[in-house]
């Protein structure tokens, strides 16, 4: 059987963390984002999608393969 290919997400921070609640800042840290225009690649999973949903106004998300 062929292995199932997992999708990845490219997540980019497009808004500053200054002025937002500590929960939003902790979510950015959990995603691995540290500064404006910083991008990370994460595996697509329900937990990652939930974190993105909480702070979607601060992020740009693209699906990769």
PDB file of N, CA and C in Angstrom:
ATOM      1  N   UNK A   1       0.826  -1.192   0.000  1.00  0.00           N
ATOM      2  CA  UNK A   1       0.000   0.000   0.000  1.00  0.00           C
ATOM      3  C   UNK A   1       0.864   1.247   0.000  1.00  0.00           C
ATOM      4  N   UNK A   2       0.367   2.269  -0.656  1.00  0.00           N
ATOM      5  CA  UNK A   2       1.084   3.542  -0.689  1.00  0.00           C
ATOM      6  C   UNK A   2       0.839   4.297   0.607  1.00  0.00           C
ATOM      7  N   UNK A   3       1.850   5.018   1.043  1.00  0.00           N
ATOM      8  CA  UNK A   3       1.698   5.820   2.255  1.00  0.00           C
ATOM      9  C   UNK A   3       0.839   7.043   1.952  1.00  0.00           C
ATOM     10  N   UNK A   4       0.051   7.410   2.927  1.00  0.00           N
ATOM     11  CA  UNK A   4      -0.802   8.581   2.788  1.00  0.00           C
ATOM     12  C   UNK A   4       0.038   9.839   3.018  1.00  0.00           C
ATOM     13  N   UNK A   5      -0.007  10.757   2.069  1.00  0.00           N
ATOM     14  CA  UNK A   5       0.784  11.977   2.179  1.00  0.00           C
ATOM     15  C   UNK A   5       0.050  12.980   3.064  1.00  0.00           C
ATOM     16  N   UNK A   6       0.735  13.470   4.098  1.00  0.00           N
ATOM     17  CA  UNK A   6       0.109  14.444   4.990  1.00  0.00           C
ATOM     18  C   UNK A   6       0.313  15.845   4.437  1.00  0.00           C
ATOM     19  N   UNK A   7      -0.666  16.672   4.635  1.00  0.00           N
ATOM     20  CA  UNK A   7      -0.577  18.053   4.170  1.00  0.00           C
ATOM     21  C   UNK A   7       0.136  18.893   5.211  1.00  0.00           C
ATOM     22  N   UNK A   8       0.744  19.958   4.735  1.00  0.00           N
ATOM     23  CA  UNK A   8       1.405  20.904   5.621  1.00  0.00           C
ATOM     24  C   UNK A   8       0.782  22.279   5.410  1.00  0.00           C
ATOM     25  N   UNK A   9       0.973  23.126   6.400  1.00  0.00           N
ATOM     26  CA  UNK A   9       0.469  24.489   6.337  1.00  0.00           C
ATOM     27  C   UNK A   9       1.628  25.459   6.516  1.00  0.00           C
ATOM     28  N   UNK A  10       1.709  26.455   5.662  1.00  0.00           N
ATOM     29  CA  UNK A  10       2.671  27.539   5.843  1.00  0.00           C
ATOM     30  C   UNK A  10       1.927  28.672   6.522  1.00  0.00           C
ATOM     31  N   UNK A  11       2.349  29.010   7.735  1.00  0.00           N
ATOM     32  CA  UNK A  11       1.669  30.004   8.554  1.00  0.00           C
ATOM     33  C   UNK A  11       2.583  31.213   8.689  1.00  0.00           C
ATOM     34  N   UNK A  12       2.069  32.393   8.356  1.00  0.00           N
ATOM     35  CA  UNK A  12       2.842  33.631   8.407  1.00  0.00           C
ATOM     36  C   UNK A  12       2.128  34.624   9.307  1.00  0.00           C
ATOM     37  N   UNK A  13       2.883  35.242  10.218  1.00  0.00           N
ATOM     38  CA  UNK A  13       2.327  36.278  11.087  1.00  0.00           C
ATOM     39  C   UNK A  13       2.309  37.591  10.319  1.00  0.00           C
ATOM     40  N   UNK A  14       1.122  38.204  10.162  1.00  0.00           N
ATOM     41  CA  UNK A  14       1.006  39.438   9.385  1.00  0.00           C
ATOM     42  C   UNK A  14       0.605  40.639  10.229  1.00  0.00           C
ATOM     43  N   UNK A  15       0.283  40.427  11.506  1.00  0.00           N
ATOM     44  CA  UNK A  15      -0.028  41.539  12.408  1.00  0.00           C
ATOM     45  C   UNK A  15       0.827  41.426  13.653  1.00  0.00           C
ATOM     46  N   UNK A  16       1.161  42.562  14.233  1.00  0.00           N
ATOM     47  CA  UNK A  16       2.002  42.604  15.419  1.00  0.00           C
ATOM     48  C   UNK A  16       1.261  42.048  16.630  1.00  0.00           C
ATOM     49  N   UNK A  17       2.019  41.451  17.554  1.00  0.00           N
ATOM     50  CA  UNK A  17       1.440  40.928  18.786  1.00  0.00           C
ATOM     51  C   UNK A  17       1.229  42.013  19.833  1.00  0.00           C
ATOM     52  N   UNK A  18       1.737  43.218  19.608  1.00  0.00           N
ATOM     53  CA  UNK A  18       1.615  44.304  20.573  1.00  0.00           C
ATOM     54  C   UNK A  18       0.147  44.706  20.717  1.00  0.00           C
ATOM     55  N   UNK A  19      -0.320  44.806  21.949  1.00  0.00           N
ATOM     56  CA  UNK A  19      -1.675  45.245  22.226  1.00  0.00           C
ATOM     57  C   UNK A  19      -2.704  44.133  22.308  1.00  0.00           C
ATOM     58  N   UNK A  20      -2.303  42.880  22.076  1.00  0.00           N
ATOM     59  CA  UNK A  20      -3.254  41.769  22.157  1.00  0.00           C
ATOM     60  C   UNK A  20      -3.129  41.063  23.500  1.00  0.00           C
ATOM     61  N   UNK A  21      -4.142  40.321  23.849  1.00  0.00           N
ATOM     62  CA  UNK A  21      -4.185  39.633  25.135  1.00  0.00           C
ATOM     63  C   UNK A  21      -3.103  38.565  25.230  1.00  0.00           C
ATOM     64  N   UNK A  22      -2.705  38.218  26.446  1.00  0.00           N
ATOM     65  CA  UNK A  22      -1.659  37.199  26.639  1.00  0.00           C
ATOM     66  C   UNK A  22      -1.988  35.854  25.992  1.00  0.00           C
ATOM     67  N   UNK A  23      -3.264  35.498  25.928  1.00  0.00           N
ATOM     68  CA  UNK A  23      -3.640  34.220  25.307  1.00  0.00           C
ATOM     69  C   UNK A  23      -3.263  34.204  23.834  1.00  0.00           C
ATOM     70  N   UNK A  24      -3.450  35.319  23.137  1.00  0.00           N
ATOM     71  CA  UNK A  24      -3.080  35.398  21.719  1.00  0.00           C
ATOM     72  C   UNK A  24      -1.564  35.306  21.563  1.00  0.00           C
ATOM     73  N   UNK A  25      -0.825  35.917  22.462  1.00  0.00           N
ATOM     74  CA  UNK A  25       0.639  35.869  22.412  1.00  0.00           C
ATOM     75  C   UNK A  25       1.142  34.449  22.665  1.00  0.00           C
ATOM     76  N   UNK A  26       0.513  33.741  23.602  1.00  0.00           N
ATOM     77  CA  UNK A  26       0.901  32.353  23.882  1.00  0.00           C
ATOM     78  C   UNK A  26       0.591  31.447  22.699  1.00  0.00           C
ATOM     79  N   UNK A  27      -0.505  31.727  22.003  1.00  0.00           N
ATOM     80  CA  UNK A  27      -0.851  30.934  20.825  1.00  0.00           C
ATOM     81  C   UNK A  27       0.174  31.141  19.720  1.00  0.00           C
ATOM     82  N   UNK A  28       0.614  32.391  19.516  1.00  0.00           N
ATOM     83  CA  UNK A  28       1.669  32.657  18.534  1.00  0.00           C
ATOM     84  C   UNK A  28       2.941  31.899  18.899  1.00  0.00           C
ATOM     85  N   UNK A  29       3.306  31.908  20.178  1.00  0.00           N
ATOM     86  CA  UNK A  29       4.497  31.187  20.629  1.00  0.00           C
ATOM     87  C   UNK A  29       4.348  29.682  20.390  1.00  0.00           C
ATOM     88  N   UNK A  30       3.154  29.140  20.649  1.00  0.00           N
ATOM     89  CA  UNK A  30       2.920  27.707  20.468  1.00  0.00           C
ATOM     90  C   UNK A  30       3.022  27.314  18.995  1.00  0.00           C
ATOM     91  N   UNK A  31       2.643  28.222  18.100  1.00  0.00           N
ATOM     92  CA  UNK A  31       2.768  27.953  16.668  1.00  0.00           C
ATOM     93  C   UNK A  31       4.202  28.113  16.185  1.00  0.00           C
ATOM     94  N   UNK A  32       5.061  28.755  16.988  1.00  0.00           N
ATOM     95  CA  UNK A  32       6.458  28.940  16.611  1.00  0.00           C
ATOM     96  C   UNK A  32       6.725  30.266  15.927  1.00  0.00           C
ATOM     97  N   UNK A  33       5.792  31.212  16.049  1.00  0.00           N
ATOM     98  CA  UNK A  33       5.949  32.527  15.413  1.00  0.00           C
ATOM     99  C   UNK A  33       6.494  33.522  16.429  1.00  0.00           C
ATOM    100  N   UNK A  34       7.536  34.254  16.038  1.00  0.00           N
ATOM    101  CA  UNK A  34       8.210  35.138  16.984  1.00  0.00           C
ATOM    102  C   UNK A  34       8.231  36.603  16.586  1.00  0.00           C
ATOM    103  N   UNK A  35       8.028  36.895  15.311  1.00  0.00           N
ATOM    104  CA  UNK A  35       8.099  38.294  14.871  1.00  0.00           C
ATOM    105  C   UNK A  35       7.219  38.478  13.635  1.00  0.00           C
ATOM    106  N   UNK A  36       7.003  39.713  13.275  1.00  0.00           N
ATOM    107  CA  UNK A  36       6.181  40.057  12.119  1.00  0.00           C
ATOM    108  C   UNK A  36       6.795  39.497  10.843  1.00  0.00           C
ATOM    109  N   UNK A  37       5.974  38.976   9.959  1.00  0.00           N
ATOM    110  CA  UNK A  37       6.365  38.379   8.677  1.00  0.00           C
ATOM    111  C   UNK A  37       7.216  37.115   8.828  1.00  0.00           C
ATOM    112  N   UNK A  38       7.215  36.506   9.994  1.00  0.00           N
ATOM    113  CA  UNK A  38       7.915  35.248  10.225  1.00  0.00           C
ATOM    114  C   UNK A  38       6.993  34.112   9.797  1.00  0.00           C
ATOM    115  N   UNK A  39       7.532  33.118   9.090  1.00  0.00           N
ATOM    116  CA  UNK A  39       6.746  31.985   8.614  1.00  0.00           C
ATOM    117  C   UNK A  39       7.265  30.687   9.204  1.00  0.00           C
ATOM    118  N   UNK A  40       6.347  29.764   9.437  1.00  0.00           N
ATOM    119  CA  UNK A  40       6.696  28.418   9.875  1.00  0.00           C
ATOM    120  C   UNK A  40       5.857  27.431   9.078  1.00  0.00           C
ATOM    121  N   UNK A  41       6.334  26.201   9.002  1.00  0.00           N
ATOM    122  CA  UNK A  41       5.583  25.143   8.349  1.00  0.00           C
ATOM    123  C   UNK A  41       5.198  24.127   9.415  1.00  0.00           C
ATOM    124  N   UNK A  42       3.898  23.874   9.538  1.00  0.00           N
ATOM    125  CA  UNK A  42       3.366  22.945  10.523  1.00  0.00           C
ATOM    126  C   UNK A  42       2.565  21.867   9.804  1.00  0.00           C
ATOM    127  N   UNK A  43       2.507  20.670  10.386  1.00  0.00           N
ATOM    128  CA  UNK A  43       1.659  19.603   9.858  1.00  0.00           C
ATOM    129  C   UNK A  43       0.196  19.980  10.085  1.00  0.00           C
ATOM    130  N   UNK A  44      -0.645  19.670   9.120  1.00  0.00           N
ATOM    131  CA  UNK A  44      -2.070  19.962   9.233  1.00  0.00           C
ATOM    132  C   UNK A  44      -2.710  18.974  10.207  1.00  0.00           C
ATOM    133  N   UNK A  45      -3.234  19.495  11.313  1.00  0.00           N
ATOM    134  CA  UNK A  45      -3.904  18.667  12.309  1.00  0.00           C
ATOM    135  C   UNK A  45      -5.012  19.490  12.956  1.00  0.00           C
ATOM    136  N   UNK A  46      -5.953  18.839  13.598  1.00  0.00           N
ATOM    137  CA  UNK A  46      -7.043  19.582  14.249  1.00  0.00           C
ATOM    138  C   UNK A  46      -6.552  20.570  15.310  1.00  0.00           C
ATOM    139  N   UNK A  47      -5.503  20.224  16.041  1.00  0.00           N
ATOM    140  CA  UNK A  47      -5.010  21.130  17.083  1.00  0.00           C
ATOM    141  C   UNK A  47      -4.391  22.389  16.469  1.00  0.00           C
ATOM    142  N   UNK A  48      -3.644  22.229  15.392  1.00  0.00           N
ATOM    143  CA  UNK A  48      -3.054  23.385  14.707  1.00  0.00           C
ATOM    144  C   UNK A  48      -4.164  24.238  14.097  1.00  0.00           C
ATOM    145  N   UNK A  49      -5.156  23.607  13.481  1.00  0.00           N
ATOM    146  CA  UNK A  49      -6.287  24.344  12.898  1.00  0.00           C
ATOM    147  C   UNK A  49      -7.036  25.136  13.969  1.00  0.00           C
ATOM    148  N   UNK A  50      -7.169  24.568  15.169  1.00  0.00           N
ATOM    149  CA  UNK A  50      -7.829  25.271  16.269  1.00  0.00           C
ATOM    150  C   UNK A  50      -7.060  26.503  16.703  1.00  0.00           C
ATOM    151  N   UNK A  51      -5.727  26.382  16.783  1.00  0.00           N
ATOM    152  CA  UNK A  51      -4.907  27.541  17.153  1.00  0.00           C
ATOM    153  C   UNK A  51      -5.009  28.625  16.092  1.00  0.00           C
ATOM    154  N   UNK A  52      -5.008  28.227  14.824  1.00  0.00           N
ATOM    155  CA  UNK A  52      -5.131  29.190  13.729  1.00  0.00           C
ATOM    156  C   UNK A  52      -6.476  29.903  13.813  1.00  0.00           C
ATOM    157  N   UNK A  53      -7.534  29.171  14.101  1.00  0.00           N
ATOM    158  CA  UNK A  53      -8.879  29.747  14.177  1.00  0.00           C
ATOM    159  C   UNK A  53      -8.972  30.810  15.265  1.00  0.00           C
ATOM    160  N   UNK A  54      -8.275  30.598  16.387  1.00  0.00           N
ATOM    161  CA  UNK A  54      -8.315  31.545  17.499  1.00  0.00           C
ATOM    162  C   UNK A  54      -7.706  32.898  17.140  1.00  0.00           C
ATOM    163  N   UNK A  55      -6.658  32.895  16.307  1.00  0.00           N
ATOM    164  CA  UNK A  55      -5.964  34.153  15.987  1.00  0.00           C
ATOM    165  C   UNK A  55      -5.853  34.354  14.477  1.00  0.00           C
ATOM    166  N   UNK A  56      -6.897  33.960  13.733  1.00  0.00           N
ATOM    167  CA  UNK A  56      -6.846  34.030  12.278  1.00  0.00           C
ATOM    168  C   UNK A  56      -6.668  35.444  11.743  1.00  0.00           C
ATOM    169  N   UNK A  57      -7.050  36.457  12.513  1.00  0.00           N
ATOM    170  CA  UNK A  57      -6.905  37.845  12.092  1.00  0.00           C
ATOM    171  C   UNK A  57      -5.445  38.296  12.082  1.00  0.00           C
ATOM    172  N   UNK A  58      -4.560  37.538  12.717  1.00  0.00           N
ATOM    173  CA  UNK A  58      -3.135  37.884  12.769  1.00  0.00           C
ATOM    174  C   UNK A  58      -2.285  37.069  11.795  1.00  0.00           C
ATOM    175  N   UNK A  59      -2.900  36.127  11.085  1.00  0.00           N
ATOM    176  CA  UNK A  59      -2.134  35.157  10.297  1.00  0.00           C
ATOM    177  C   UNK A  59      -2.549  35.119   8.836  1.00  0.00           C
ATOM    178  N   UNK A  60      -1.627  34.616   8.022  1.00  0.00           N
ATOM    179  CA  UNK A  60      -1.918  34.234   6.650  1.00  0.00           C
ATOM    180  C   UNK A  60      -1.540  32.757   6.554  1.00  0.00           C
ATOM    181  N   UNK A  61      -2.454  31.923   6.042  1.00  0.00           N
ATOM    182  CA  UNK A  61      -2.237  30.483   6.004  1.00  0.00           C
ATOM    183  C   UNK A  61      -2.325  29.989   4.568  1.00  0.00           C
ATOM    184  N   UNK A  62      -1.338  29.163   4.166  1.00  0.00           N
ATOM    185  CA  UNK A  62      -1.319  28.566   2.841  1.00  0.00           C
ATOM    186  C   UNK A  62      -1.120  27.063   2.999  1.00  0.00           C
ATOM    187  N   UNK A  63      -1.849  26.288   2.188  1.00  0.00           N
ATOM    188  CA  UNK A  63      -1.668  24.835   2.203  1.00  0.00           C
ATOM    189  C   UNK A  63      -0.527  24.454   1.277  1.00  0.00           C
ATOM    190  N   UNK A  64       0.293  23.522   1.738  1.00  0.00           N
ATOM    191  CA  UNK A  64       1.430  23.031   0.949  1.00  0.00           C
ATOM    192  C   UNK A  64       1.239  21.545   0.731  1.00  0.00           C
ATOM    193  N   UNK A  65       1.284  21.126  -0.541  1.00  0.00           N
ATOM    194  CA  UNK A  65       1.233  19.713  -0.929  1.00  0.00           C
ATOM    195  C   UNK A  65       0.436  18.901  -0.049  1.00  0.00           C
TER     196      UNK A  65
END
